[in-house]
Amino acid sequence: MYDEIFITDMLFFGKHGVYQPEKDKGGRFSVDLHLFMDLTQASQSDQLTDTLDYEKVYRHVQQIMEGPSKNLLEALADDIARSMFAFDHRIMEIVVTVRKLDPPFPGAFGSLGSTIRRARS
């Protein structure tokens, strides 16, 4: 069983979506990131080097969300998960949720999105 670090409700502007107006105009997205790893050393040492730097994690996700356009939220979430495994070898499991806050169709809902779960193989 692993410990958890999380950053939720990260807000970004991106040009992701299947429809051309989404790619042209862009929209708001929210990302939740849950990273599972052993935090025993960090809890005992109280040193940043023994855990993840939250700001660096945020900036890493920001590069993906504000980067090249993707059609699907599922693809964005998977890109984030795979890149986080490469970012730090101590991350053993990841849960990523990407929400589209301004979907291109009418309806009564707050957001829509996709959640993926990945484990290091």
PDB file of N, CA and C in Angstrom:
ATOM      1  N   MET A   1       0.849  -1.181   0.000  1.00  0.00           N
ATOM      2  CA  MET A   1       0.000   0.000   0.000  1.00  0.00           C
ATOM      3  C   MET A   1       0.891   1.240   0.000  1.00  0.00           C
ATOM      4  N   TYR A   2       0.512   2.220  -0.805  1.00  0.00           N
ATOM      5  CA  TYR A   2       1.316   3.429  -0.941  1.00  0.00           C
ATOM      6  C   TYR A   2       0.631   4.617  -0.285  1.00  0.00           C
ATOM      7  N   ASP A   3       1.445   5.620  -0.004  1.00  0.00           N
ATOM      8  CA  ASP A   3       0.941   6.895   0.488  1.00  0.00           C
ATOM      9  C   ASP A   3       0.493   7.718  -0.721  1.00  0.00           C
ATOM     10  N   GLU A   4      -0.134   8.854  -0.457  1.00  0.00           N
ATOM     11  CA  GLU A   4      -0.714   9.639  -1.550  1.00  0.00           C
ATOM     12  C   GLU A   4      -0.355  11.110  -1.436  1.00  0.00           C
ATOM     13  N   ILE A   5       0.011  11.673  -2.567  1.00  0.00           N
ATOM     14  CA  ILE A   5       0.147  13.119  -2.743  1.00  0.00           C
ATOM     15  C   ILE A   5      -0.914  13.508  -3.765  1.00  0.00           C
ATOM     16  N   PHE A   6      -1.601  14.612  -3.537  1.00  0.00           N
ATOM     17  CA  PHE A   6      -2.612  15.018  -4.508  1.00  0.00           C
ATOM     18  C   PHE A   6      -2.593  16.521  -4.723  1.00  0.00           C
ATOM     19  N   ILE A   7      -2.959  16.892  -5.935  1.00  0.00           N
ATOM     20  CA  ILE A   7      -3.225  18.286  -6.298  1.00  0.00           C
ATOM     21  C   ILE A   7      -4.536  18.244  -7.066  1.00  0.00           C
ATOM     22  N   THR A   8      -5.527  18.979  -6.596  1.00  0.00           N
ATOM     23  CA  THR A   8      -6.836  18.941  -7.249  1.00  0.00           C
ATOM     24  C   THR A   8      -7.243  20.328  -7.730  1.00  0.00           C
ATOM     25  N   ASP A   9      -8.168  20.325  -8.658  1.00  0.00           N
ATOM     26  CA  ASP A   9      -8.749  21.557  -9.198  1.00  0.00           C
ATOM     27  C   ASP A   9      -7.711  22.480  -9.829  1.00  0.00           C
ATOM     28  N   MET A  10      -6.693  21.898 -10.476  1.00  0.00           N
ATOM     29  CA  MET A  10      -5.750  22.718 -11.240  1.00  0.00           C
ATOM     30  C   MET A  10      -6.497  23.232 -12.468  1.00  0.00           C
ATOM     31  N   LEU A  11      -6.460  24.519 -12.703  1.00  0.00           N
ATOM     32  CA  LEU A  11      -7.214  25.121 -13.802  1.00  0.00           C
ATOM     33  C   LEU A  11      -6.281  25.543 -14.930  1.00  0.00           C
ATOM     34  N   PHE A  12      -6.680  25.194 -16.168  1.00  0.00           N
ATOM     35  CA  PHE A  12      -5.875  25.512 -17.341  1.00  0.00           C
ATOM     36  C   PHE A  12      -6.780  25.939 -18.484  1.00  0.00           C
ATOM     37  N   PHE A  13      -6.198  26.667 -19.426  1.00  0.00           N
ATOM     38  CA  PHE A  13      -6.867  26.988 -20.683  1.00  0.00           C
ATOM     39  C   PHE A  13      -6.180  26.171 -21.766  1.00  0.00           C
ATOM     40  N   GLY A  14      -6.972  25.490 -22.571  1.00  0.00           N
ATOM     41  CA  GLY A  14      -6.390  24.683 -23.636  1.00  0.00           C
ATOM     42  C   GLY A  14      -7.301  24.617 -24.838  1.00  0.00           C
ATOM     43  N   LYS A  15      -6.758  24.128 -25.929  1.00  0.00           N
ATOM     44  CA  LYS A  15      -7.509  24.034 -27.182  1.00  0.00           C
ATOM     45  C   LYS A  15      -7.705  22.570 -27.554  1.00  0.00           C
ATOM     46  N   HIS A  16      -8.363  21.852 -26.670  1.00  0.00           N
ATOM     47  CA  HIS A  16      -8.580  20.421 -26.843  1.00  0.00           C
ATOM     48  C   HIS A  16     -10.045  20.147 -27.148  1.00  0.00           C
ATOM     49  N   GLY A  17     -10.284  19.153 -27.980  1.00  0.00           N
ATOM     50  CA  GLY A  17     -11.645  18.750 -28.294  1.00  0.00           C
ATOM     51  C   GLY A  17     -11.733  18.177 -29.692  1.00  0.00           C
ATOM     52  N   VAL A  18     -12.831  17.518 -29.956  1.00  0.00           N
ATOM     53  CA  VAL A  18     -13.056  16.894 -31.254  1.00  0.00           C
ATOM     54  C   VAL A  18     -13.488  17.931 -32.286  1.00  0.00           C
ATOM     55  N   TYR A  19     -14.245  18.918 -31.858  1.00  0.00           N
ATOM     56  CA  TYR A  19     -14.840  19.874 -32.782  1.00  0.00           C
ATOM     57  C   TYR A  19     -13.910  21.057 -33.033  1.00  0.00           C
ATOM     58  N   GLN A  20     -13.915  21.539 -34.276  1.00  0.00           N
ATOM     59  CA  GLN A  20     -13.004  22.615 -34.671  1.00  0.00           C
ATOM     60  C   GLN A  20     -13.164  23.883 -33.829  1.00  0.00           C
ATOM     61  N   PRO A  21     -14.389  24.306 -33.476  1.00  0.00           N
ATOM     62  CA  PRO A  21     -14.503  25.502 -32.624  1.00  0.00           C
ATOM     63  C   PRO A  21     -13.774  25.350 -31.282  1.00  0.00           C
ATOM     64  N   GLU A  22     -13.726  24.129 -30.736  1.00  0.00           N
ATOM     65  CA  GLU A  22     -12.992  23.901 -29.486  1.00  0.00           C
ATOM     66  C   GLU A  22     -11.500  24.109 -29.700  1.00  0.00           C
ATOM     67  N   LYS A  23     -11.007  23.672 -30.844  1.00  0.00           N
ATOM     68  CA  LYS A  23      -9.588  23.820 -31.152  1.00  0.00           C
ATOM     69  C   LYS A  23      -9.238  25.276 -31.455  1.00  0.00           C
ATOM     70  N   ASP A  24     -10.168  25.997 -32.071  1.00  0.00           N
ATOM     71  CA  ASP A  24      -9.920  27.394 -32.431  1.00  0.00           C
ATOM     72  C   ASP A  24     -10.049  28.322 -31.227  1.00  0.00           C
ATOM     73  N   LYS A  25     -11.160  28.204 -30.529  1.00  0.00           N
ATOM     74  CA  LYS A  25     -11.469  29.114 -29.420  1.00  0.00           C
ATOM     75  C   LYS A  25     -10.825  28.675 -28.112  1.00  0.00           C
ATOM     76  N   GLY A  26     -10.782  27.381 -27.874  1.00  0.00           N
ATOM     77  CA  GLY A  26     -10.243  26.868 -26.614  1.00  0.00           C
ATOM     78  C   GLY A  26     -11.276  26.907 -25.513  1.00  0.00           C
ATOM     79  N   GLY A  27     -10.868  26.427 -24.352  1.00  0.00           N
ATOM     80  CA  GLY A  27     -11.774  26.399 -23.213  1.00  0.00           C
ATOM     81  C   GLY A  27     -11.034  26.101 -21.927  1.00  0.00           C
ATOM     82  N   ARG A  28     -11.794  26.072 -20.845  1.00  0.00           N
ATOM     83  CA  ARG A  28     -11.217  25.837 -19.515  1.00  0.00           C
ATOM     84  C   ARG A  28     -11.279  24.351 -19.163  1.00  0.00           C
ATOM     85  N   PHE A  29     -10.219  23.916 -18.500  1.00  0.00           N
ATOM     86  CA  PHE A  29     -10.109  22.527 -18.069  1.00  0.00           C
ATOM     87  C   PHE A  29      -9.659  22.492 -16.618  1.00  0.00           C
ATOM     88  N   SER A  30     -10.079  21.449 -15.928  1.00  0.00           N
ATOM     89  CA  SER A  30      -9.668  21.221 -14.544  1.00  0.00           C
ATOM     90  C   SER A  30      -9.021  19.841 -14.467  1.00  0.00           C
ATOM     91  N   VAL A  31      -7.933  19.742 -13.707  1.00  0.00           N
ATOM     92  CA  VAL A  31      -7.228  18.467 -13.559  1.00  0.00           C
ATOM     93  C   VAL A  31      -7.059  18.150 -12.080  1.00  0.00           C
ATOM     94  N   ASP A  32      -7.371  16.909 -11.727  1.00  0.00           N
ATOM     95  CA  ASP A  32      -7.068  16.359 -10.399  1.00  0.00           C
ATOM     96  C   ASP A  32      -5.997  15.301 -10.594  1.00  0.00           C
ATOM     97  N   LEU A  33      -4.993  15.336  -9.738  1.00  0.00           N
ATOM     98  CA  LEU A  33      -3.883  14.398  -9.841  1.00  0.00           C
ATOM     99  C   LEU A  33      -3.637  13.763  -8.483  1.00  0.00           C
ATOM    100  N   HIS A  34      -3.671  12.440  -8.442  1.00  0.00           N
ATOM    101  CA  HIS A  34      -3.386  11.679  -7.220  1.00  0.00           C
ATOM    102  C   HIS A  34      -2.201  10.772  -7.526  1.00  0.00           C
ATOM    103  N   LEU A  35      -1.121  10.969  -6.784  1.00  0.00           N
ATOM    104  CA  LEU A  35       0.124  10.239  -7.004  1.00  0.00           C
ATOM    105  C   LEU A  35       0.399   9.362  -5.797  1.00  0.00           C
ATOM    106  N   PHE A  36       0.630   8.083  -6.036  1.00  0.00           N
ATOM    107  CA  PHE A  36       0.833   7.124  -4.952  1.00  0.00           C
ATOM    108  C   PHE A  36       2.284   6.662  -4.946  1.00  0.00           C
ATOM    109  N   MET A  37       2.910   6.810  -3.774  1.00  0.00           N
ATOM    110  CA  MET A  37       4.316   6.459  -3.606  1.00  0.00           C
ATOM    111  C   MET A  37       4.609   6.280  -2.126  1.00  0.00           C
ATOM    112  N   ASP A  38       5.773   5.779  -1.815  1.00  0.00           N
ATOM    113  CA  ASP A  38       6.183   5.609  -0.420  1.00  0.00           C
ATOM    114  C   ASP A  38       6.703   6.944   0.104  1.00  0.00           C
ATOM    115  N   LEU A  39       6.019   7.493   1.089  1.00  0.00           N
ATOM    116  CA  LEU A  39       6.411   8.780   1.676  1.00  0.00           C
ATOM    117  C   LEU A  39       7.025   8.624   3.060  1.00  0.00           C
ATOM    118  N   THR A  40       7.444   7.420   3.396  1.00  0.00           N
ATOM    119  CA  THR A  40       8.031   7.176   4.718  1.00  0.00           C
ATOM    120  C   THR A  40       9.239   8.064   4.954  1.00  0.00           C
ATOM    121  N   GLN A  41      10.164   8.089   4.002  1.00  0.00           N
ATOM    122  CA  GLN A  41      11.387   8.885   4.161  1.00  0.00           C
ATOM    123  C   GLN A  41      11.054  10.369   4.323  1.00  0.00           C
ATOM    124  N   ALA A  42      10.151  10.881   3.508  1.00  0.00           N
ATOM    125  CA  ALA A  42       9.777  12.298   3.591  1.00  0.00           C
ATOM    126  C   ALA A  42       9.140  12.625   4.931  1.00  0.00           C
ATOM    127  N   SER A  43       8.314  11.727   5.433  1.00  0.00           N
ATOM    128  CA  SER A  43       7.639  11.992   6.708  1.00  0.00           C
ATOM    129  C   SER A  43       8.621  11.999   7.872  1.00  0.00           C
ATOM    130  N   GLN A  44       9.747  11.315   7.715  1.00  0.00           N
ATOM    131  CA  GLN A  44      10.744  11.274   8.786  1.00  0.00           C
ATOM    132  C   GLN A  44      11.821  12.344   8.630  1.00  0.00           C
ATOM    133  N   SER A  45      12.199  12.638   7.387  1.00  0.00           N
ATOM    134  CA  SER A  45      13.295  13.596   7.166  1.00  0.00           C
ATOM    135  C   SER A  45      12.829  15.042   7.129  1.00  0.00           C
ATOM    136  N   ASP A  46      11.572  15.271   6.731  1.00  0.00           N
ATOM    137  CA  ASP A  46      11.032  16.621   6.568  1.00  0.00           C
ATOM    138  C   ASP A  46      11.817  17.407   5.512  1.00  0.00           C
ATOM    139  N   GLN A  47      12.307  16.700   4.491  1.00  0.00           N
ATOM    140  CA  GLN A  47      13.101  17.317   3.431  1.00  0.00           C
ATOM    141  C   GLN A  47      12.386  17.194   2.083  1.00  0.00           C
ATOM    142  N   LEU A  48      12.376  18.281   1.324  1.00  0.00           N
ATOM    143  CA  LEU A  48      11.713  18.304   0.026  1.00  0.00           C
ATOM    144  C   LEU A  48      12.297  17.265  -0.932  1.00  0.00           C
ATOM    145  N   THR A  49      13.573  16.979  -0.820  1.00  0.00           N
ATOM    146  CA  THR A  49      14.205  16.011  -1.720  1.00  0.00           C
ATOM    147  C   THR A  49      13.648  14.600  -1.556  1.00  0.00           C
ATOM    148  N   ASP A  50      12.959  14.346  -0.462  1.00  0.00           N
ATOM    149  CA  ASP A  50      12.406  13.016  -0.202  1.00  0.00           C
ATOM    150  C   ASP A  50      10.945  12.877  -0.611  1.00  0.00           C
ATOM    151  N   THR A  51      10.435  13.885  -1.284  1.00  0.00           N
ATOM    152  CA  THR A  51       9.055  13.843  -1.767  1.00  0.00           C
ATOM    153  C   THR A  51       9.009  14.515  -3.133  1.00  0.00           C
ATOM    154  N   LEU A  52       7.838  14.881  -3.593  1.00  0.00           N
ATOM    155  CA  LEU A  52       7.684  15.599  -4.852  1.00  0.00           C
ATOM    156  C   LEU A  52       7.493  17.077  -4.582  1.00  0.00           C
ATOM    157  N   ASP A  53       8.082  17.899  -5.412  1.00  0.00           N
ATOM    158  CA  ASP A  53       7.893  19.341  -5.348  1.00  0.00           C
ATOM    159  C   ASP A  53       6.568  19.652  -6.053  1.00  0.00           C
ATOM    160  N   TYR A  54       5.573  20.072  -5.297  1.00  0.00           N
ATOM    161  CA  TYR A  54       4.227  20.280  -5.850  1.00  0.00           C
ATOM    162  C   TYR A  54       4.225  21.294  -6.990  1.00  0.00           C
ATOM    163  N   GLU A  55       5.030  22.337  -6.864  1.00  0.00           N
ATOM    164  CA  GLU A  55       5.068  23.339  -7.935  1.00  0.00           C
ATOM    165  C   GLU A  55       5.608  22.739  -9.228  1.00  0.00           C
ATOM    166  N   LYS A  56       6.633  21.910  -9.136  1.00  0.00           N
ATOM    167  CA  LYS A  56       7.182  21.270 -10.337  1.00  0.00           C
ATOM    168  C   LYS A  56       6.170  20.310 -10.953  1.00  0.00           C
ATOM    169  N   VAL A  57       5.424  19.615 -10.118  1.00  0.00           N
ATOM    170  CA  VAL A  57       4.370  18.730 -10.619  1.00  0.00           C
ATOM    171  C   VAL A  57       3.323  19.558 -11.363  1.00  0.00           C
ATOM    172  N   TYR A  58       2.894  20.668 -10.768  1.00  0.00           N
ATOM    173  CA  TYR A  58       1.906  21.542 -11.407  1.00  0.00           C
ATOM    174  C   TYR A  58       2.412  22.028 -12.762  1.00  0.00           C
ATOM    175  N   ARG A  59       3.640  22.512 -12.807  1.00  0.00           N
ATOM    176  CA  ARG A  59       4.214  23.040 -14.059  1.00  0.00           C
ATOM    177  C   ARG A  59       4.303  21.940 -15.121  1.00  0.00           C
ATOM    178  N   HIS A  60       4.576  20.733 -14.691  1.00  0.00           N
ATOM    179  CA  HIS A  60       4.654  19.597 -15.610  1.00  0.00           C
ATOM    180  C   HIS A  60       3.281  19.336 -16.246  1.00  0.00           C
ATOM    181  N   VAL A  61       2.248  19.320 -15.434  1.00  0.00           N
ATOM    182  CA  VAL A  61       0.884  19.129 -15.943  1.00  0.00           C
ATOM    183  C   VAL A  61       0.487  20.310 -16.828  1.00  0.00           C
ATOM    184  N   GLN A  62       0.869  21.506 -16.426  1.00  0.00           N
ATOM    185  CA  GLN A  62       0.549  22.715 -17.193  1.00  0.00           C
ATOM    186  C   GLN A  62       1.096  22.631 -18.622  1.00  0.00           C
ATOM    187  N   GLN A  63       2.311  22.137 -18.779  1.00  0.00           N
ATOM    188  CA  GLN A  63       2.901  22.015 -20.119  1.00  0.00           C
ATOM    189  C   GLN A  63       2.055  21.129 -21.022  1.00  0.00           C
ATOM    190  N   ILE A  64       1.504  20.078 -20.469  1.00  0.00           N
ATOM    191  CA  ILE A  64       0.669  19.175 -21.263  1.00  0.00           C
ATOM    192  C   ILE A  64      -0.673  19.824 -21.574  1.00  0.00           C
ATOM    193  N   MET A  65      -1.303  20.396 -20.563  1.00  0.00           N
ATOM    194  CA  MET A  65      -2.643  20.964 -20.744  1.00  0.00           C
ATOM    195  C   MET A  65      -2.636  22.192 -21.645  1.00  0.00           C
ATOM    196  N   GLU A  66      -1.557  22.952 -21.625  1.00  0.00           N
ATOM    197  CA  GLU A  66      -1.474  24.156 -22.450  1.00  0.00           C
ATOM    198  C   GLU A  66      -0.664  23.908 -23.718  1.00  0.00           C
ATOM    199  N   GLY A  67      -0.349  22.640 -23.973  1.00  0.00           N
ATOM    200  CA  GLY A  67       0.446  22.257 -25.133  1.00  0.00           C
ATOM    201  C   GLY A  67      -0.417  21.909 -26.331  1.00  0.00           C
ATOM    202  N   PRO A  68       0.128  21.066 -27.212  1.00  0.00           N
ATOM    203  CA  PRO A  68      -0.582  20.703 -28.444  1.00  0.00           C
ATOM    204  C   PRO A  68      -1.974  20.129 -28.183  1.00  0.00           C
ATOM    205  N   SER A  69      -2.860  20.428 -29.107  1.00  0.00           N
ATOM    206  CA  SER A  69      -4.259  20.018 -28.999  1.00  0.00           C
ATOM    207  C   SER A  69      -4.412  18.500 -29.057  1.00  0.00           C
ATOM    208  N   LYS A  70      -5.314  18.001 -28.237  1.00  0.00           N
ATOM    209  CA  LYS A  70      -5.722  16.597 -28.258  1.00  0.00           C
ATOM    210  C   LYS A  70      -7.220  16.553 -28.518  1.00  0.00           C
ATOM    211  N   ASN A  71      -7.695  15.496 -29.146  1.00  0.00           N
ATOM    212  CA  ASN A  71      -9.129  15.343 -29.371  1.00  0.00           C
ATOM    213  C   ASN A  71      -9.866  14.948 -28.099  1.00  0.00           C
ATOM    214  N   LEU A  72      -9.303  14.002 -27.354  1.00  0.00           N
ATOM    215  CA  LEU A  72     -10.031  13.376 -26.249  1.00  0.00           C
ATOM    216  C   LEU A  72      -9.429  13.691 -24.890  1.00  0.00           C
ATOM    217  N   LEU A  73     -10.307  13.838 -23.897  1.00  0.00           N
ATOM    218  CA  LEU A  73      -9.862  14.006 -22.514  1.00  0.00           C
ATOM    219  C   LEU A  73      -9.105  12.768 -22.052  1.00  0.00           C
ATOM    220  N   GLU A  74      -9.515  11.609 -22.538  1.00  0.00           N
ATOM    221  CA  GLU A  74      -8.835  10.364 -22.186  1.00  0.00           C
ATOM    222  C   GLU A  74      -7.371  10.394 -22.621  1.00  0.00           C
ATOM    223  N   ALA A  75      -7.105  10.956 -23.787  1.00  0.00           N
ATOM    224  CA  ALA A  75      -5.725  11.059 -24.281  1.00  0.00           C
ATOM    225  C   ALA A  75      -4.913  12.030 -23.430  1.00  0.00           C
ATOM    226  N   LEU A  76      -5.526  13.132 -23.035  1.00  0.00           N
ATOM    227  CA  LEU A  76      -4.842  14.082 -22.144  1.00  0.00           C
ATOM    228  C   LEU A  76      -4.490  13.425 -20.815  1.00  0.00           C
ATOM    229  N   ALA A  77      -5.456  12.729 -20.227  1.00  0.00           N
ATOM    230  CA  ALA A  77      -5.224  12.074 -18.938  1.00  0.00           C
ATOM    231  C   ALA A  77      -4.112  11.037 -19.050  1.00  0.00           C
ATOM    232  N   ASP A  78      -4.109  10.273 -20.130  1.00  0.00           N
ATOM    233  CA  ASP A  78      -3.072   9.263 -20.315  1.00  0.00           C
ATOM    234  C   ASP A  78      -1.704   9.908 -20.520  1.00  0.00           C
ATOM    235  N   ASP A  79      -1.642  10.999 -21.269  1.00  0.00           N
ATOM    236  CA  ASP A  79      -0.374  11.724 -21.444  1.00  0.00           C
ATOM    237  C   ASP A  79       0.166  12.196 -20.099  1.00  0.00           C
ATOM    238  N   ILE A  80      -0.716  12.722 -19.266  1.00  0.00           N
ATOM    239  CA  ILE A  80      -0.293  13.189 -17.941  1.00  0.00           C
ATOM    240  C   ILE A  80       0.241  12.021 -17.126  1.00  0.00           C
ATOM    241  N   ALA A  81      -0.481  10.912 -17.116  1.00  0.00           N
ATOM    242  CA  ALA A  81      -0.053   9.751 -16.328  1.00  0.00           C
ATOM    243  C   ALA A  81       1.304   9.244 -16.795  1.00  0.00           C
ATOM    244  N   ARG A  82       1.459   9.030 -18.093  1.00  0.00           N
ATOM    245  CA  ARG A  82       2.730   8.510 -18.604  1.00  0.00           C
ATOM    246  C   ARG A  82       3.880   9.474 -18.335  1.00  0.00           C
ATOM    247  N   SER A  83       3.624  10.755 -18.488  1.00  0.00           N
ATOM    248  CA  SER A  83       4.701  11.724 -18.263  1.00  0.00           C
ATOM    249  C   SER A  83       5.075  11.827 -16.789  1.00  0.00           C
ATOM    250  N   MET A  84       4.108  11.619 -15.899  1.00  0.00           N
ATOM    251  CA  MET A  84       4.429  11.660 -14.470  1.00  0.00           C
ATOM    252  C   MET A  84       5.272  10.458 -14.057  1.00  0.00           C
ATOM    253  N   PHE A  85       5.039   9.299 -14.646  1.00  0.00           N
ATOM    254  CA  PHE A  85       5.898   8.141 -14.366  1.00  0.00           C
ATOM    255  C   PHE A  85       7.334   8.439 -14.791  1.00  0.00           C
ATOM    256  N   ALA A  86       7.496   9.125 -15.920  1.00  0.00           N
ATOM    257  CA  ALA A  86       8.840   9.497 -16.376  1.00  0.00           C
ATOM    258  C   ALA A  86       9.430  10.612 -15.519  1.00  0.00           C
ATOM    259  N   PHE A  87       8.577  11.466 -14.986  1.00  0.00           N
ATOM    260  CA  PHE A  87       8.997  12.613 -14.172  1.00  0.00           C
ATOM    261  C   PHE A  87       9.697  12.171 -12.892  1.00  0.00           C
ATOM    262  N   ASP A  88       9.173  11.115 -12.248  1.00  0.00           N
ATOM    263  CA  ASP A  88       9.770  10.653 -10.990  1.00  0.00           C
ATOM    264  C   ASP A  88       9.562   9.150 -10.837  1.00  0.00           C
ATOM    265  N   HIS A  89      10.662   8.421 -10.705  1.00  0.00           N
ATOM    266  CA  HIS A  89      10.614   6.961 -10.626  1.00  0.00           C
ATOM    267  C   HIS A  89       9.951   6.444  -9.351  1.00  0.00           C
ATOM    268  N   ARG A  90       9.783   7.310  -8.351  1.00  0.00           N
ATOM    269  CA  ARG A  90       9.181   6.872  -7.085  1.00  0.00           C
ATOM    270  C   ARG A  90       7.668   6.757  -7.162  1.00  0.00           C
ATOM    271  N   ILE A  91       7.058   7.366  -8.175  1.00  0.00           N
ATOM    272  CA  ILE A  91       5.603   7.289  -8.342  1.00  0.00           C
ATOM    273  C   ILE A  91       5.253   5.884  -8.819  1.00  0.00           C
ATOM    274  N   MET A  92       4.390   5.205  -8.068  1.00  0.00           N
ATOM    275  CA  MET A  92       4.033   3.822  -8.382  1.00  0.00           C
ATOM    276  C   MET A  92       2.637   3.681  -8.996  1.00  0.00           C
ATOM    277  N   GLU A  93       1.732   4.569  -8.614  1.00  0.00           N
ATOM    278  CA  GLU A  93       0.374   4.554  -9.159  1.00  0.00           C
ATOM    279  C   GLU A  93      -0.092   5.990  -9.337  1.00  0.00           C
ATOM    280  N   ILE A  94      -1.003   6.174 -10.292  1.00  0.00           N
ATOM    281  CA  ILE A  94      -1.503   7.515 -10.605  1.00  0.00           C
ATOM    282  C   ILE A  94      -2.993   7.425 -10.905  1.00  0.00           C
ATOM    283  N   VAL A  95      -3.732   8.413 -10.425  1.00  0.00           N
ATOM    284  CA  VAL A  95      -5.125   8.611 -10.834  1.00  0.00           C
ATOM    285  C   VAL A  95      -5.222  10.043 -11.343  1.00  0.00           C
ATOM    286  N   VAL A  96      -5.679  10.193 -12.582  1.00  0.00           N
ATOM    287  CA  VAL A  96      -5.794  11.513 -13.214  1.00  0.00           C
ATOM    288  C   VAL A  96      -7.233  11.717 -13.662  1.00  0.00           C
ATOM    289  N   THR A  97      -7.801  12.862 -13.299  1.00  0.00           N
ATOM    290  CA  THR A  97      -9.114  13.263 -13.804  1.00  0.00           C
ATOM    291  C   THR A  97      -8.950  14.562 -14.575  1.00  0.00           C
ATOM    292  N   VAL A  98      -9.453  14.586 -15.806  1.00  0.00           N
ATOM    293  CA  VAL A  98      -9.461  15.804 -16.620  1.00  0.00           C
ATOM    294  C   VAL A  98     -10.917  16.149 -16.889  1.00  0.00           C
ATOM    295  N   ARG A  99     -11.286  17.387 -16.545  1.00  0.00           N
ATOM    296  CA  ARG A  99     -12.660  17.865 -16.752  1.00  0.00           C
ATOM    297  C   ARG A  99     -12.675  19.001 -17.767  1.00  0.00           C
ATOM    298  N   LYS A 100     -13.671  18.976 -18.631  1.00  0.00           N
ATOM    299  CA  LYS A 100     -13.914  20.081 -19.556  1.00  0.00           C
ATOM    300  C   LYS A 100     -14.987  20.943 -18.916  1.00  0.00           C
ATOM    301  N   LEU A 101     -14.635  22.183 -18.596  1.00  0.00           N
ATOM    302  CA  LEU A 101     -15.555  23.058 -17.868  1.00  0.00           C
ATOM    303  C   LEU A 101     -16.495  23.830 -18.788  1.00  0.00           C
ATOM    304  N   ASP A 102     -16.148  23.917 -20.074  1.00  0.00           N
ATOM    305  CA  ASP A 102     -16.979  24.636 -21.046  1.00  0.00           C
ATOM    306  C   ASP A 102     -17.296  23.726 -22.231  1.00  0.00           C
ATOM    307  N   PRO A 103     -18.073  22.663 -22.032  1.00  0.00           N
ATOM    308  CA  PRO A 103     -18.354  21.767 -23.154  1.00  0.00           C
ATOM    309  C   PRO A 103     -19.116  22.494 -24.256  1.00  0.00           C
ATOM    310  N   PRO A 104     -18.973  22.018 -25.506  1.00  0.00           N
ATOM    311  CA  PRO A 104     -19.517  22.749 -26.655  1.00  0.00           C
ATOM    312  C   PRO A 104     -20.990  22.471 -26.943  1.00  0.00           C
ATOM    313  N   PHE A 105     -21.722  22.011 -25.944  1.00  0.00           N
ATOM    314  CA  PHE A 105     -23.142  21.745 -26.169  1.00  0.00           C
ATOM    315  C   PHE A 105     -23.925  22.140 -24.925  1.00  0.00           C
ATOM    316  N   PRO A 106     -25.193  22.492 -25.101  1.00  0.00           N
ATOM    317  CA  PRO A 106     -25.994  22.930 -23.961  1.00  0.00           C
ATOM    318  C   PRO A 106     -26.394  21.759 -23.074  1.00  0.00           C
ATOM    319  N   GLY A 107     -26.614  22.076 -21.820  1.00  0.00           N
ATOM    320  CA  GLY A 107     -27.054  21.064 -20.869  1.00  0.00           C
ATOM    321  C   GLY A 107     -26.891  21.586 -19.462  1.00  0.00           C
ATOM    322  N   ALA A 108     -27.533  20.941 -18.528  1.00  0.00           N
ATOM    323  CA  ALA A 108     -27.469  21.356 -17.126  1.00  0.00           C
ATOM    324  C   ALA A 108     -26.521  20.432 -16.373  1.00  0.00           C
ATOM    325  N   PHE A 109     -25.247  20.792 -16.362  1.00  0.00           N
ATOM    326  CA  PHE A 109     -24.246  20.038 -15.611  1.00  0.00           C
ATOM    327  C   PHE A 109     -23.058  20.951 -15.342  1.00  0.00           C
ATOM    328  N   GLY A 110     -22.269  20.590 -14.348  1.00  0.00           N
ATOM    329  CA  GLY A 110     -21.129  21.419 -13.983  1.00  0.00           C
ATOM    330  C   GLY A 110     -19.921  21.200 -14.867  1.00  0.00           C
ATOM    331  N   SER A 111     -19.651  19.959 -15.183  1.00  0.00           N
ATOM    332  CA  SER A 111     -18.507  19.634 -16.025  1.00  0.00           C
ATOM    333  C   SER A 111     -18.664  18.200 -16.502  1.00  0.00           C
ATOM    334  N   LEU A 112     -17.804  17.819 -17.414  1.00  0.00           N
ATOM    335  CA  LEU A 112     -17.731  16.432 -17.845  1.00  0.00           C
ATOM    336  C   LEU A 112     -16.266  16.064 -17.909  1.00  0.00           C
ATOM    337  N   GLY A 113     -15.968  14.784 -17.863  1.00  0.00           N
ATOM    338  CA  GLY A 113     -14.563  14.439 -17.866  1.00  0.00           C
ATOM    339  C   GLY A 113     -14.292  12.960 -17.907  1.00  0.00           C
ATOM    340  N   SER A 114     -13.020  12.651 -17.713  1.00  0.00           N
ATOM    341  CA  SER A 114     -12.547  11.275 -17.740  1.00  0.00           C
ATOM    342  C   SER A 114     -11.529  11.075 -16.629  1.00  0.00           C
ATOM    343  N   THR A 115     -11.607   9.928 -15.969  1.00  0.00           N
ATOM    344  CA  THR A 115     -10.633   9.556 -14.942  1.00  0.00           C
ATOM    345  C   THR A 115      -9.939   8.279 -15.382  1.00  0.00           C
ATOM    346  N   ILE A 116      -8.612   8.288 -15.314  1.00  0.00           N
ATOM    347  CA  ILE A 116      -7.858   7.076 -15.607  1.00  0.00           C
ATOM    348  C   ILE A 116      -7.007   6.709 -14.398  1.00  0.00           C
ATOM    349  N   ARG A 117      -6.749   5.426 -14.263  1.00  0.00           N
ATOM    350  CA  ARG A 117      -5.891   4.899 -13.200  1.00  0.00           C
ATOM    351  C   ARG A 117      -4.797   4.082 -13.862  1.00  0.00           C
ATOM    352  N   ARG A 118      -3.564   4.357 -13.474  1.00  0.00           N
ATOM    353  CA  ARG A 118      -2.434   3.633 -14.041  1.00  0.00           C
ATOM    354  C   ARG A 118      -1.481   3.215 -12.931  1.00  0.00           C
ATOM    355  N   ALA A 119      -0.850   2.057 -13.124  1.00  0.00           N
ATOM    356  CA  ALA A 119       0.171   1.570 -12.197  1.00  0.00           C
ATOM    357  C   ALA A 119       1.460   1.362 -12.980  1.00  0.00           C
ATOM    358  N   ARG A 120       2.565   1.621 -12.328  1.00  0.00           N
ATOM    359  CA  ARG A 120       3.860   1.403 -12.968  1.00  0.00           C
ATOM    360  C   ARG A 120       4.009  -0.092 -13.223  1.00  0.00           C
ATOM    361  N   SER A 121       4.459  -0.428 -14.431  1.00  0.00           N
ATOM    362  CA  SER A 121       4.614  -1.853 -14.744  1.00  0.00           C
ATOM    363  C   SER A 121       6.051  -2.307 -14.565  1.00  0.00           C
TER     364      SER A 121
END
